[in-house]
Protein backbone atom coordinates (compact mmCIF):
# COMPACT_ATOMS: atom_id res chain seq x y z
CA MET A 1 -7.22 8.98 -24.24
CA THR A 2 -6.66 8.68 -20.53
CA HIS A 3 -4.70 11.22 -18.96
CA PRO A 4 -2.16 10.25 -16.23
CA LEU A 5 -3.11 10.92 -12.47
CA GLU A 6 -1.60 13.68 -10.57
CA ILE A 7 -0.47 12.22 -7.21
CA VAL A 8 1.04 14.00 -4.42
CA ARG A 9 2.69 12.55 -1.57
CA VAL A 10 2.09 14.09 1.75
CA PRO A 11 4.49 13.03 4.67
CA ALA A 12 2.82 12.85 8.24
CA PHE A 13 3.65 11.76 11.65
CA LYS A 14 7.21 9.80 11.83
CA ASP A 15 7.12 7.78 8.44
CA ASN A 16 3.59 7.91 6.86
CA TYR A 17 2.84 8.90 3.56
CA LEU A 18 -0.65 10.09 2.94
CA TRP A 19 -1.69 10.58 -0.85
CA LEU A 20 -3.63 13.02 -2.80
CA VAL A 21 -4.89 11.97 -6.25
CA ARG A 22 -6.42 14.33 -8.97
CA GLU A 23 -7.84 12.86 -12.04
CA SER A 24 -8.28 14.92 -15.26
CA GLY A 25 -11.80 15.91 -14.44
CA GLY A 26 -10.80 17.75 -11.36
CA ARG A 27 -11.91 15.37 -8.83
CA VAL A 28 -9.52 14.76 -5.82
CA ALA A 29 -9.37 12.08 -3.47
CA ALA A 30 -7.12 11.81 -0.22
CA ILE A 31 -5.88 8.40 0.41
CA ASP A 32 -5.70 7.32 4.28
CA PRO A 33 -5.83 10.92 5.52
CA GLY A 34 -4.65 10.34 9.03
CA ASP A 35 -3.74 14.11 9.69
CA ALA A 36 -6.06 16.74 8.43
CA ALA A 37 -4.00 19.55 8.85
CA VAL A 38 -1.02 18.31 6.28
CA ILE A 39 -3.48 17.40 3.83
CA THR A 40 -5.25 20.81 4.13
CA THR A 41 -1.92 22.43 3.69
CA ALA A 42 -1.07 20.16 0.35
CA LEU A 43 -4.56 20.92 -1.04
CA THR A 44 -3.85 24.67 -0.54
CA GLU A 45 -0.64 24.62 -2.13
CA HIS A 46 -1.90 22.97 -5.18
CA ARG A 47 -5.09 24.85 -5.33
CA TRP A 48 -7.10 21.51 -5.29
CA ARG A 49 -10.75 20.87 -3.62
CA LEU A 50 -11.15 17.56 -2.03
CA SER A 51 -14.05 15.73 -3.35
CA ASP A 52 -13.41 12.10 -1.98
CA ILE A 53 -11.60 10.30 0.89
CA PHE A 54 -10.62 6.66 0.21
CA LEU A 55 -9.81 4.48 3.12
CA THR A 56 -7.71 1.06 3.08
CA HIS A 57 -8.21 0.34 6.65
CA HIS A 58 -9.17 1.48 10.18
CA HIS A 59 -5.95 2.18 11.92
CA HIS A 60 -5.89 5.58 13.46
CA ASP A 61 -2.87 6.96 11.47
CA HIS A 62 -4.91 6.27 8.23
CA VAL A 63 -8.25 7.62 9.34
CA GLY A 64 -7.45 10.26 12.14
CA GLY A 65 -8.18 13.34 10.00
CA VAL A 66 -11.25 11.99 8.00
CA LEU A 67 -13.93 13.50 10.01
CA ALA A 68 -12.29 17.10 10.00
CA LEU A 69 -11.61 16.82 6.34
CA LYS A 70 -15.16 15.70 5.73
CA ALA A 71 -16.69 18.65 7.88
CA ALA A 72 -14.58 21.29 6.13
CA THR A 73 -14.99 20.21 2.55
CA GLY A 74 -17.84 17.83 2.16
CA ALA A 75 -15.78 14.96 0.67
CA ARG A 76 -17.45 11.65 0.31
CA VAL A 77 -15.88 8.67 2.29
CA THR A 78 -15.38 5.31 0.69
CA GLY A 79 -14.24 2.22 2.35
CA ALA A 80 -14.67 -1.67 2.91
CA GLY A 81 -18.54 -2.18 3.78
CA HIS A 82 -17.67 -5.06 6.06
CA ASP A 83 -15.60 -2.88 8.19
CA ALA A 84 -17.89 -0.02 8.40
CA ALA A 85 -18.05 0.12 12.14
CA ARG A 86 -14.41 0.90 12.46
CA LEU A 87 -14.18 3.57 9.55
CA PRO A 88 -15.24 7.22 10.61
CA GLY A 89 -17.67 9.07 8.35
CA LEU A 90 -18.42 6.36 5.84
CA ASP A 91 -20.69 7.10 2.97
CA SER A 92 -19.99 4.38 0.28
CA ARG A 93 -19.32 0.84 1.01
CA VAL A 94 -17.17 -1.30 -1.22
CA ALA A 95 -15.88 -4.70 -1.35
CA GLY A 96 -13.20 -6.58 -3.10
CA GLY A 97 -14.10 -6.78 -6.74
CA ASP A 98 -15.97 -3.69 -6.95
CA CYS A 99 -15.37 -1.01 -9.51
CA PHE A 100 -16.53 2.49 -8.99
CA ASP A 101 -16.28 5.73 -11.15
CA PHE A 102 -13.88 8.49 -9.96
CA GLY A 103 -14.45 11.46 -12.37
CA THR A 104 -12.88 10.23 -15.68
CA ARG A 105 -11.30 7.28 -14.28
CA GLN A 106 -12.66 3.75 -12.86
CA VAL A 107 -11.13 2.45 -9.48
CA ARG A 108 -11.02 -1.29 -8.94
CA VAL A 109 -11.35 -2.55 -5.09
CA ILE A 110 -9.19 -5.31 -4.15
CA ASP A 111 -9.54 -7.52 -0.91
CA VAL A 112 -6.09 -7.45 0.65
CA ALA A 113 -7.12 -8.52 4.17
CA GLY A 114 -4.19 -9.57 6.43
CA HIS A 115 -2.90 -6.89 8.23
CA THR A 116 -6.46 -6.35 9.18
CA THR A 117 -9.56 -8.23 8.20
CA GLY A 118 -11.11 -5.34 6.63
CA HIS A 119 -7.99 -4.15 4.66
CA ILE A 120 -8.58 -3.15 0.84
CA ALA A 121 -6.55 -1.38 -1.84
CA TYR A 122 -7.50 0.66 -4.67
CA ALA A 123 -6.36 0.13 -8.32
CA PHE A 124 -6.58 3.00 -10.87
CA GLY A 125 -6.25 0.79 -13.99
CA ASP A 126 -2.71 -0.48 -14.62
CA GLU A 127 -1.23 2.91 -13.54
CA ALA A 128 -1.30 2.75 -9.75
CA VAL A 129 -2.33 1.04 -6.69
CA PHE A 130 -2.74 2.41 -3.22
CA VAL A 131 -2.23 -0.51 -0.80
CA GLY A 132 -2.09 1.05 2.45
CA ASP A 133 -0.22 -1.10 4.85
CA ALA A 134 -0.94 -4.51 3.12
CA LEU A 135 2.30 -4.20 1.00
CA PHE A 136 5.58 -2.31 1.56
CA SER A 137 8.62 -1.77 -0.65
CA LEU A 138 10.39 -5.01 0.14
CA GLY A 139 8.00 -5.88 3.00
CA CYS A 140 4.41 -6.25 4.06
CA GLY A 141 2.51 -5.15 7.05
CA ARG A 142 2.24 -6.87 10.48
CA MET A 143 -0.47 -9.61 10.64
CA PHE A 144 -2.48 -8.23 13.14
CA GLU A 145 -5.82 -9.77 12.35
CA GLY A 146 -5.36 -12.13 9.46
CA THR A 147 -3.97 -15.57 8.93
CA PRO A 148 -0.83 -16.39 6.75
CA ALA A 149 -3.10 -18.12 4.30
CA LEU A 150 -5.47 -15.10 4.19
CA PHE A 151 -2.42 -12.66 3.92
CA TRP A 152 -0.40 -14.54 1.18
CA HIS A 153 -3.43 -14.69 -0.96
CA SER A 154 -4.15 -11.12 -0.61
CA LEU A 155 -0.59 -10.33 -1.63
CA CYS A 156 -0.91 -12.81 -4.57
CA ARG A 157 -3.79 -10.72 -5.83
CA LEU A 158 -1.45 -7.59 -5.80
CA ARG A 159 1.22 -9.38 -7.25
CA SER A 160 -0.92 -10.56 -10.32
CA LEU A 161 -1.15 -6.86 -11.34
CA PRO A 162 1.02 -5.62 -14.38
CA GLU A 163 4.73 -5.21 -13.77
CA ALA A 164 4.42 -1.52 -14.64
CA THR A 165 2.03 -0.70 -11.86
CA MET A 166 3.23 1.74 -9.37
CA VAL A 167 2.60 0.74 -5.75
CA TYR A 168 1.86 3.40 -3.47
CA CYS A 169 2.23 2.43 0.26
CA ALA A 170 1.74 4.14 3.36
CA HIS A 171 4.97 4.15 5.20
CA GLU A 172 8.82 4.78 4.72
CA TYR A 173 10.10 1.39 5.70
CA THR A 174 12.00 0.31 2.87
CA GLU A 175 15.69 0.42 4.52
CA SER A 176 14.91 -1.49 7.30
CA ASN A 177 13.13 -4.04 4.90
CA LEU A 178 16.07 -4.21 2.99
CA ARG A 179 18.02 -5.44 5.83
CA PHE A 180 15.83 -8.25 6.38
CA ALA A 181 15.46 -9.12 2.82
CA LEU A 182 18.97 -9.31 2.31
CA ALA A 183 19.36 -11.59 5.37
CA VAL A 184 16.79 -13.97 4.16
CA ASP A 185 17.58 -13.97 0.41
CA PRO A 186 21.24 -13.19 0.18
CA THR A 187 21.64 -14.62 -3.30
CA ASN A 188 18.99 -12.52 -5.09
CA ARG A 189 21.13 -10.46 -7.39
CA ALA A 190 17.92 -8.23 -8.47
CA LEU A 191 17.51 -7.57 -4.62
CA ARG A 192 21.08 -6.69 -4.29
CA ASP A 193 21.06 -4.30 -7.05
CA PHE A 194 17.80 -2.42 -6.08
CA GLY A 195 19.10 -2.45 -2.42
CA ALA A 196 22.20 -0.07 -3.76
CA GLU A 197 19.57 2.14 -5.40
CA ILE A 198 17.64 2.44 -2.29
CA THR A 199 20.68 3.26 -0.02
CA ALA A 200 21.73 5.85 -2.75
CA ARG A 201 18.08 7.60 -2.63
CA ARG A 202 18.03 7.67 1.23
CA VAL A 203 21.67 9.31 1.31
CA ARG A 204 20.27 11.81 -0.96
CA GLY A 205 17.09 12.20 1.39
CA GLU A 206 14.75 10.91 -1.45
CA ALA A 207 11.55 8.77 -0.56
CA THR A 208 11.57 5.26 -1.82
CA VAL A 209 7.92 5.31 -2.55
CA PRO A 210 6.18 4.70 -4.86
CA THR A 211 7.95 1.61 -6.20
CA ARG A 212 7.29 -0.59 -9.29
CA LEU A 213 5.44 -3.67 -8.89
CA GLY A 214 7.91 -5.44 -11.29
CA GLN A 215 10.51 -4.66 -9.09
CA GLU A 216 8.74 -5.85 -5.88
CA GLN A 217 7.96 -9.07 -7.67
CA ALA A 218 11.42 -9.68 -8.15
CA CYS A 219 12.82 -8.55 -4.71
CA ASN A 220 10.32 -8.47 -2.12
CA PRO A 221 10.67 -11.78 -0.04
CA PHE A 222 7.03 -11.51 0.81
CA LEU A 223 5.98 -11.80 -2.68
CA ARG A 224 8.40 -14.57 -3.32
CA ALA A 225 7.09 -17.29 -0.72
CA ASP A 226 6.46 -19.61 -3.80
CA ALA A 227 10.18 -19.31 -5.01
CA PRO A 228 12.03 -22.52 -4.20
CA THR A 229 15.35 -20.57 -3.82
CA LEU A 230 13.87 -18.55 -1.09
CA ALA A 231 12.26 -21.56 0.67
CA ARG A 232 15.80 -23.55 0.54
CA ALA A 233 17.41 -20.31 1.89
CA LEU A 234 15.13 -20.46 4.94
CA GLY A 235 15.57 -24.23 5.52
CA LEU A 236 12.04 -24.90 4.18
CA ALA A 237 12.57 -26.73 1.15
CA GLY A 238 9.33 -28.55 0.03
CA ALA A 239 7.33 -26.13 2.20
CA SER A 240 4.13 -24.81 0.83
CA PRO A 241 3.95 -21.20 0.14
CA VAL A 242 1.73 -20.40 3.08
CA GLU A 243 4.28 -21.94 5.50
CA VAL A 244 7.08 -20.09 4.03
CA PHE A 245 5.10 -16.69 4.25
CA ALA A 246 4.22 -17.32 7.77
CA ALA A 247 8.02 -18.22 8.53
CA LEU A 248 8.93 -15.00 6.86
CA ARG A 249 6.61 -12.98 9.02
CA GLN A 250 7.51 -14.54 12.13
CA ARG A 251 11.07 -13.91 11.46
CA LYS A 252 10.32 -10.20 10.45
CA ASP A 253 8.47 -9.77 13.61
CA THR A 254 11.55 -10.39 15.59
CA PHE A 255 14.02 -9.20 13.26
């Protein structure tokens, strides 16, 4: 029997979420620890000892605390091998399609290049996927280094995971993403219903992350670039999914 992961959300900076993950055997990983101090505080509060650091990509708000945490705890740092030059303290180099053991659990690496060319995600079975800035609730990351085709195929890999998978992204962007999603996909009933839930949660001061993948499959326009109704709403009937995705990303950049 596989025991559920223990996952702790650690707010940092203006709107980042860092994550701590503990498997039943006691190993603890920090996902994208951009701030060592808040991770250290959370570890102390839970009486956990850090054993691992998993990096999704090289941006400073995701890696800024790595070296301090590694020096203090001896944690082993895992990240994309082909982006090793930009990942501090890297010990274990992985690539999309790799699997590795994390205590009692197995972790699968997914190539999600697009936001950056070295971006990866970490899937813990069908339970959770840590996606960094590749995918947000109702959005996706800016396309700093990739191409529309590269990014779209990366998002399709994430979209193909089981609907029940919980998606752990790195920012609280959902309210602003909701406004854009409603603007480009106004007839999507599932999106309107989800939007009402998001608004209520934010009024109560609650986080909107993690989110269930099935909800994102139905509501996130960046996962629906191959939906004919969305293409028509954008004035792009008959366009390829890559063309629709490119148009969505361009519009979101200036929204």
